């Protein structure tokens, strides 16, 4: 962390993650279906473990073990 406060480090991580994901969406912009409402990113300890594109405007997170199909 080069002697910088933890808050500065975390802010930098958030900025980098945001920049990476926005860049990824912009690169695929012409290929993304018009029905896509959102990109869902699952992080675990500063590491992306999953991503999905949601086709429904309302996304419910209920803690179940069911997979994500883009609609529920």
PDB file of N, CA and C in Angstrom:
ATOM      1  N   UNK A   1       0.821  -1.205   0.000  1.00  0.00           N
ATOM      2  CA  UNK A   1       0.000   0.000   0.000  1.00  0.00           C
ATOM      3  C   UNK A   1       0.858   1.260   0.000  1.00  0.00           C
ATOM      4  N   UNK A   2       2.164   1.121   0.044  1.00  0.00           N
ATOM      5  CA  UNK A   2       3.081   2.263  -0.061  1.00  0.00           C
ATOM      6  C   UNK A   2       2.850   3.312   1.014  1.00  0.00           C
ATOM      7  N   UNK A   3       2.438   2.930   2.204  1.00  0.00           N
ATOM      8  CA  UNK A   3       2.262   3.873   3.297  1.00  0.00           C
ATOM      9  C   UNK A   3       1.023   4.741   3.205  1.00  0.00           C
ATOM     10  N   UNK A   4       0.175   4.503   2.243  1.00  0.00           N
ATOM     11  CA  UNK A   4      -1.050   5.295   2.113  1.00  0.00           C
ATOM     12  C   UNK A   4      -2.132   4.696   3.008  1.00  0.00           C
ATOM     13  N   UNK A   5      -3.078   5.507   3.446  1.00  0.00           N
ATOM     14  CA  UNK A   5      -4.158   4.995   4.303  1.00  0.00           C
ATOM     15  C   UNK A   5      -5.008   3.935   3.588  1.00  0.00           C
ATOM     16  N   UNK A   6      -5.617   3.039   4.369  1.00  0.00           N
ATOM     17  CA  UNK A   6      -6.439   1.959   3.822  1.00  0.00           C
ATOM     18  C   UNK A   6      -7.594   2.500   2.975  1.00  0.00           C
ATOM     19  N   UNK A   7      -8.206   3.597   3.394  1.00  0.00           N
ATOM     20  CA  UNK A   7      -9.308   4.197   2.636  1.00  0.00           C
ATOM     21  C   UNK A   7      -8.882   4.574   1.227  1.00  0.00           C
ATOM     22  N   UNK A   8      -7.671   5.102   1.085  1.00  0.00           N
ATOM     23  CA  UNK A   8      -7.151   5.474  -0.231  1.00  0.00           C
ATOM     24  C   UNK A   8      -6.987   4.228  -1.092  1.00  0.00           C
ATOM     25  N   UNK A   9      -6.458   3.151  -0.498  1.00  0.00           N
ATOM     26  CA  UNK A   9      -6.258   1.903  -1.219  1.00  0.00           C
ATOM     27  C   UNK A   9      -7.591   1.337  -1.706  1.00  0.00           C
ATOM     28  N   UNK A  10      -8.591   1.295  -0.825  1.00  0.00           N
ATOM     29  CA  UNK A  10      -9.903   0.764  -1.197  1.00  0.00           C
ATOM     30  C   UNK A  10     -10.557   1.596  -2.282  1.00  0.00           C
ATOM     31  N   UNK A  11     -10.444   2.911  -2.197  1.00  0.00           N
ATOM     32  CA  UNK A  11     -10.999   3.783  -3.232  1.00  0.00           C
ATOM     33  C   UNK A  11     -10.337   3.493  -4.570  1.00  0.00           C
ATOM     34  N   UNK A  12      -9.032   3.287  -4.562  1.00  0.00           N
ATOM     35  CA  UNK A  12      -8.311   2.991  -5.791  1.00  0.00           C
ATOM     36  C   UNK A  12      -8.777   1.664  -6.390  1.00  0.00           C
ATOM     37  N   UNK A  13      -9.017   0.652  -5.551  1.00  0.00           N
ATOM     38  CA  UNK A  13      -9.514  -0.641  -6.022  1.00  0.00           C
ATOM     39  C   UNK A  13     -10.890  -0.479  -6.667  1.00  0.00           C
ATOM     40  N   UNK A  14     -11.766   0.285  -6.014  1.00  0.00           N
ATOM     41  CA  UNK A  14     -13.114   0.506  -6.540  1.00  0.00           C
ATOM     42  C   UNK A  14     -13.055   1.233  -7.880  1.00  0.00           C
ATOM     43  N   UNK A  15     -12.212   2.244  -7.983  1.00  0.00           N
ATOM     44  CA  UNK A  15     -12.079   2.994  -9.233  1.00  0.00           C
ATOM     45  C   UNK A  15     -11.564   2.082 -10.342  1.00  0.00           C
ATOM     46  N   UNK A  16     -10.573   1.249 -10.043  1.00  0.00           N
ATOM     47  CA  UNK A  16     -10.017   0.337 -11.051  1.00  0.00           C
ATOM     48  C   UNK A  16     -11.053  -0.684 -11.507  1.00  0.00           C
ATOM     49  N   UNK A  17     -11.785  -1.275 -10.563  1.00  0.00           N
ATOM     50  CA  UNK A  17     -12.819  -2.250 -10.924  1.00  0.00           C
ATOM     51  C   UNK A  17     -13.895  -1.610 -11.794  1.00  0.00           C
ATOM     52  N   UNK A  18     -14.328  -0.422 -11.411  1.00  0.00           N
ATOM     53  CA  UNK A  18     -15.365   0.282 -12.171  1.00  0.00           C
ATOM     54  C   UNK A  18     -14.882   0.582 -13.580  1.00  0.00           C
ATOM     55  N   UNK A  19     -13.677   1.075 -13.690  1.00  0.00           N
ATOM     56  CA  UNK A  19     -13.104   1.411 -14.997  1.00  0.00           C
ATOM     57  C   UNK A  19     -12.990   0.167 -15.882  1.00  0.00           C
ATOM     58  N   UNK A  20     -12.533  -0.938 -15.296  1.00  0.00           N
ATOM     59  CA  UNK A  20     -12.396  -2.177 -16.061  1.00  0.00           C
ATOM     60  C   UNK A  20     -13.736  -2.667 -16.587  1.00  0.00           C
ATOM     61  N   UNK A  21     -14.764  -2.655 -15.743  1.00  0.00           N
ATOM     62  CA  UNK A  21     -16.058  -3.183 -16.152  1.00  0.00           C
ATOM     63  C   UNK A  21     -16.768  -2.275 -17.148  1.00  0.00           C
ATOM     64  N   UNK A  22     -16.644  -0.973 -16.974  1.00  0.00           N
ATOM     65  CA  UNK A  22     -17.227  -0.052 -17.953  1.00  0.00           C
ATOM     66  C   UNK A  22     -16.523  -0.212 -19.295  1.00  0.00           C
ATOM     67  N   UNK A  23     -15.217  -0.350 -19.265  1.00  0.00           N
ATOM     68  CA  UNK A  23     -14.461  -0.577 -20.496  1.00  0.00           C
ATOM     69  C   UNK A  23     -14.880  -1.857 -21.195  1.00  0.00           C
ATOM     70  N   UNK A  24     -15.120  -2.910 -20.408  1.00  0.00           N
ATOM     71  CA  UNK A  24     -15.552  -4.187 -20.973  1.00  0.00           C
ATOM     72  C   UNK A  24     -16.921  -4.061 -21.646  1.00  0.00           C
ATOM     73  N   UNK A  25     -17.828  -3.333 -21.013  1.00  0.00           N
ATOM     74  CA  UNK A  25     -19.161  -3.125 -21.603  1.00  0.00           C
ATOM     75  C   UNK A  25     -19.048  -2.296 -22.886  1.00  0.00           C
ATOM     76  N   UNK A  26     -18.254  -1.248 -22.863  1.00  0.00           N
ATOM     77  CA  UNK A  26     -18.107  -0.404 -24.050  1.00  0.00           C
ATOM     78  C   UNK A  26     -17.497  -1.172 -25.218  1.00  0.00           C
ATOM     79  N   UNK A  27     -16.561  -2.091 -24.932  1.00  0.00           N
ATOM     80  CA  UNK A  27     -15.960  -2.893 -25.995  1.00  0.00           C
ATOM     81  C   UNK A  27     -17.000  -3.794 -26.660  1.00  0.00           C
ATOM     82  N   UNK A  28     -17.963  -4.289 -25.886  1.00  0.00           N
ATOM     83  CA  UNK A  28     -18.974  -5.217 -26.396  1.00  0.00           C
ATOM     84  C   UNK A  28     -20.296  -4.527 -26.718  1.00  0.00           C
ATOM     85  N   UNK A  29     -20.338  -3.213 -26.689  1.00  0.00           N
ATOM     86  CA  UNK A  29     -21.581  -2.451 -26.816  1.00  0.00           C
ATOM     87  C   UNK A  29     -22.393  -2.856 -28.043  1.00  0.00           C
ATOM     88  N   UNK A  30     -21.771  -3.014 -29.179  1.00  0.00           N
ATOM     89  CA  UNK A  30     -22.508  -3.331 -30.406  1.00  0.00           C
ATOM     90  C   UNK A  30     -23.001  -4.779 -30.421  1.00  0.00           C
ATOM     91  N   UNK A  31     -22.425  -5.639 -29.580  1.00  0.00           N
ATOM     92  CA  UNK A  31     -22.816  -7.045 -29.538  1.00  0.00           C
ATOM     93  C   UNK A  31     -23.865  -7.329 -28.470  1.00  0.00           C
ATOM     94  N   UNK A  32     -24.078  -6.393 -27.546  1.00  0.00           N
ATOM     95  CA  UNK A  32     -25.013  -6.610 -26.440  1.00  0.00           C
ATOM     96  C   UNK A  32     -26.450  -6.458 -26.940  1.00  0.00           C
ATOM     97  N   UNK A  33     -27.275  -7.429 -26.595  1.00  0.00           N
ATOM     98  CA  UNK A  33     -28.676  -7.452 -26.980  1.00  0.00           C
ATOM     99  C   UNK A  33     -29.417  -6.241 -26.400  1.00  0.00           C
ATOM    100  N   UNK A  34     -30.377  -5.701 -27.129  1.00  0.00           N
ATOM    101  CA  UNK A  34     -31.148  -4.541 -26.680  1.00  0.00           C
ATOM    102  C   UNK A  34     -31.986  -4.833 -25.438  1.00  0.00           C
ATOM    103  N   UNK A  35     -32.241  -6.104 -25.154  1.00  0.00           N
ATOM    104  CA  UNK A  35     -33.051  -6.473 -23.997  1.00  0.00           C
ATOM    105  C   UNK A  35     -32.258  -6.502 -22.686  1.00  0.00           C
ATOM    106  N   UNK A  36     -30.956  -6.291 -22.739  1.00  0.00           N
ATOM    107  CA  UNK A  36     -30.117  -6.323 -21.536  1.00  0.00           C
ATOM    108  C   UNK A  36     -30.358  -5.054 -20.716  1.00  0.00           C
ATOM    109  N   UNK A  37     -30.630  -5.252 -19.413  1.00  0.00           N
ATOM    110  CA  UNK A  37     -30.874  -4.138 -18.508  1.00  0.00           C
ATOM    111  C   UNK A  37     -29.665  -3.806 -17.655  1.00  0.00           C
ATOM    112  N   UNK A  38     -28.867  -4.818 -17.326  1.00  0.00           N
ATOM    113  CA  UNK A  38     -27.763  -4.582 -16.400  1.00  0.00           C
ATOM    114  C   UNK A  38     -26.694  -5.655 -16.539  1.00  0.00           C
ATOM    115  N   UNK A  39     -25.500  -5.307 -16.092  1.00  0.00           N
ATOM    116  CA  UNK A  39     -24.424  -6.281 -15.963  1.00  0.00           C
ATOM    117  C   UNK A  39     -24.253  -6.521 -14.470  1.00  0.00           C
ATOM    118  N   UNK A  40     -24.369  -7.781 -14.066  1.00  0.00           N
ATOM    119  CA  UNK A  40     -24.249  -8.144 -12.662  1.00  0.00           C
ATOM    120  C   UNK A  40     -22.844  -8.696 -12.438  1.00  0.00           C
ATOM    121  N   UNK A  41     -22.157  -8.156 -11.457  1.00  0.00           N
ATOM    122  CA  UNK A  41     -20.794  -8.575 -11.158  1.00  0.00           C
ATOM    123  C   UNK A  41     -20.752  -9.079  -9.723  1.00  0.00           C
ATOM    124  N   UNK A  42     -20.243 -10.288  -9.542  1.00  0.00           N
ATOM    125  CA  UNK A  42     -20.121 -10.865  -8.205  1.00  0.00           C
ATOM    126  C   UNK A  42     -18.648 -10.831  -7.817  1.00  0.00           C
ATOM    127  N   UNK A  43     -18.368 -10.137  -6.713  1.00  0.00           N
ATOM    128  CA  UNK A  43     -16.993 -10.022  -6.220  1.00  0.00           C
ATOM    129  C   UNK A  43     -16.845 -10.799  -4.926  1.00  0.00           C
ATOM    130  N   UNK A  44     -15.666 -11.370  -4.758  1.00  0.00           N
ATOM    131  CA  UNK A  44     -15.348 -12.060  -3.523  1.00  0.00           C
ATOM    132  C   UNK A  44     -13.913 -11.712  -3.180  1.00  0.00           C
ATOM    133  N   UNK A  45     -13.752 -10.946  -2.117  1.00  0.00           N
ATOM    134  CA  UNK A  45     -12.409 -10.532  -1.674  1.00  0.00           C
ATOM    135  C   UNK A  45     -11.612  -9.873  -2.796  1.00  0.00           C
ATOM    136  N   UNK A  46     -12.180  -8.836  -3.392  1.00  0.00           N
ATOM    137  CA  UNK A  46     -11.547  -8.045  -4.452  1.00  0.00           C
ATOM    138  C   UNK A  46     -11.224  -8.844  -5.709  1.00  0.00           C
ATOM    139  N   UNK A  47     -11.967  -9.919  -5.945  1.00  0.00           N
ATOM    140  CA  UNK A  47     -11.768 -10.733  -7.137  1.00  0.00           C
ATOM    141  C   UNK A  47     -13.123 -11.030  -7.754  1.00  0.00           C
ATOM    142  N   UNK A  48     -13.220 -10.859  -9.051  1.00  0.00           N
ATOM    143  CA  UNK A  48     -14.482 -11.156  -9.735  1.00  0.00           C
ATOM    144  C   UNK A  48     -14.625 -12.664  -9.873  1.00  0.00           C
ATOM    145  N   UNK A  49     -15.698 -13.210  -9.323  1.00  0.00           N
ATOM    146  CA  UNK A  49     -15.928 -14.650  -9.395  1.00  0.00           C
ATOM    147  C   UNK A  49     -17.023 -14.997 -10.393  1.00  0.00           C
ATOM    148  N   UNK A  50     -17.839 -14.024 -10.777  1.00  0.00           N
ATOM    149  CA  UNK A  50     -18.895 -14.287 -11.752  1.00  0.00           C
ATOM    150  C   UNK A  50     -19.387 -12.978 -12.348  1.00  0.00           C
ATOM    151  N   UNK A  51     -19.966 -13.071 -13.535  1.00  0.00           N
ATOM    152  CA  UNK A  51     -20.633 -11.922 -14.156  1.00  0.00           C
ATOM    153  C   UNK A  51     -21.759 -12.458 -15.020  1.00  0.00           C
ATOM    154  N   UNK A  52     -22.765 -11.647 -15.181  1.00  0.00           N
ATOM    155  CA  UNK A  52     -23.918 -12.033 -15.993  1.00  0.00           C
ATOM    156  C   UNK A  52     -24.616 -10.782 -16.480  1.00  0.00           C
ATOM    157  N   UNK A  53     -25.332 -10.917 -17.568  1.00  0.00           N
ATOM    158  CA  UNK A  53     -26.139  -9.823 -18.075  1.00  0.00           C
ATOM    159  C   UNK A  53     -27.599 -10.130 -17.752  1.00  0.00           C
ATOM    160  N   UNK A  54     -28.278  -9.182 -17.117  1.00  0.00           N
ATOM    161  CA  UNK A  54     -29.674  -9.370 -16.709  1.00  0.00           C
ATOM    162  C   UNK A  54     -30.615  -8.849 -17.783  1.00  0.00           C
ATOM    163  N   UNK A  55     -31.612  -9.638 -18.103  1.00  0.00           N
ATOM    164  CA  UNK A  55     -32.605  -9.260 -19.108  1.00  0.00           C
ATOM    165  C   UNK A  55     -33.885  -8.725 -18.480  1.00  0.00           C
ATOM    166  N   UNK A  56     -33.990  -8.744 -17.171  1.00  0.00           N
ATOM    167  CA  UNK A  56     -35.186  -8.256 -16.475  1.00  0.00           C
ATOM    168  C   UNK A  56     -34.843  -6.972 -15.724  1.00  0.00           C
ATOM    169  N   UNK A  57     -35.774  -6.015 -15.681  1.00  0.00           N
ATOM    170  CA  UNK A  57     -35.500  -4.741 -15.005  1.00  0.00           C
ATOM    171  C   UNK A  57     -35.463  -4.852 -13.477  1.00  0.00           C
ATOM    172  N   UNK A  58     -35.976  -5.958 -12.923  1.00  0.00           N
ATOM    173  CA  UNK A  58     -35.959  -6.164 -11.469  1.00  0.00           C
ATOM    174  C   UNK A  58     -35.179  -7.441 -11.196  1.00  0.00           C
ATOM    175  N   UNK A  59     -34.181  -7.347 -10.338  1.00  0.00           N
ATOM    176  CA  UNK A  59     -33.340  -8.483 -10.001  1.00  0.00           C
ATOM    177  C   UNK A  59     -33.503  -8.780  -8.518  1.00  0.00           C
ATOM    178  N   UNK A  60     -33.877 -10.006  -8.192  1.00  0.00           N
ATOM    179  CA  UNK A  60     -34.076 -10.398  -6.801  1.00  0.00           C
ATOM    180  C   UNK A  60     -32.928 -11.299  -6.365  1.00  0.00           C
ATOM    181  N   UNK A  61     -32.268 -10.925  -5.281  1.00  0.00           N
ATOM    182  CA  UNK A  61     -31.199 -11.739  -4.712  1.00  0.00           C
ATOM    183  C   UNK A  61     -31.761 -12.361  -3.446  1.00  0.00           C
ATOM    184  N   UNK A  62     -31.905 -13.702  -3.460  1.00  0.00           N
ATOM    185  CA  UNK A  62     -32.577 -14.351  -2.344  1.00  0.00           C
ATOM    186  C   UNK A  62     -31.704 -15.345  -1.575  1.00  0.00           C
ATOM    187  N   UNK A  63     -30.455 -15.493  -1.943  1.00  0.00           N
ATOM    188  CA  UNK A  63     -29.553 -16.363  -1.201  1.00  0.00           C
ATOM    189  C   UNK A  63     -29.718 -17.843  -1.486  1.00  0.00           C
ATOM    190  N   UNK A  64     -30.512 -18.208  -2.482  1.00  0.00           N
ATOM    191  CA  UNK A  64     -30.707 -19.623  -2.787  1.00  0.00           C
ATOM    192  C   UNK A  64     -29.516 -20.144  -3.598  1.00  0.00           C
ATOM    193  N   UNK A  65     -29.496 -21.445  -3.799  1.00  0.00           N
ATOM    194  CA  UNK A  65     -28.432 -22.068  -4.584  1.00  0.00           C
ATOM    195  C   UNK A  65     -28.792 -22.205  -6.059  1.00  0.00           C
ATOM    196  N   UNK A  66     -29.942 -21.659  -6.465  1.00  0.00           N
ATOM    197  CA  UNK A  66     -30.372 -21.729  -7.854  1.00  0.00           C
ATOM    198  C   UNK A  66     -29.483 -20.837  -8.722  1.00  0.00           C
ATOM    199  N   UNK A  67     -29.226 -21.275  -9.930  1.00  0.00           N
ATOM    200  CA  UNK A  67     -28.403 -20.501 -10.839  1.00  0.00           C
ATOM    201  C   UNK A  67     -29.125 -19.295 -11.401  1.00  0.00           C
ATOM    202  N   UNK A  68     -28.372 -18.394 -12.001  1.00  0.00           N
ATOM    203  CA  UNK A  68     -28.919 -17.179 -12.591  1.00  0.00           C
ATOM    204  C   UNK A  68     -29.153 -17.432 -14.067  1.00  0.00           C
ATOM    205  N   UNK A  69     -30.384 -17.205 -14.529  1.00  0.00           N
ATOM    206  CA  UNK A  69     -30.704 -17.447 -15.934  1.00  0.00           C
ATOM    207  C   UNK A  69     -30.918 -16.162 -16.729  1.00  0.00           C
ATOM    208  N   UNK A  70     -30.700 -15.022 -16.108  1.00  0.00           N
ATOM    209  CA  UNK A  70     -30.873 -13.739 -16.808  1.00  0.00           C
ATOM    210  C   UNK A  70     -32.259 -13.158 -16.708  1.00  0.00           C
ATOM    211  N   UNK A  71     -33.209 -13.941 -16.234  1.00  0.00           N
ATOM    212  CA  UNK A  71     -34.595 -13.471 -16.143  1.00  0.00           C
ATOM    213  C   UNK A  71     -35.091 -13.353 -14.716  1.00  0.00           C
ATOM    214  N   UNK A  72     -34.574 -14.133 -13.776  1.00  0.00           N
ATOM    215  CA  UNK A  72     -35.058 -14.114 -12.395  1.00  0.00           C
ATOM    216  C   UNK A  72     -34.012 -13.584 -11.455  1.00  0.00           C
TER     217      UNK A  72
END
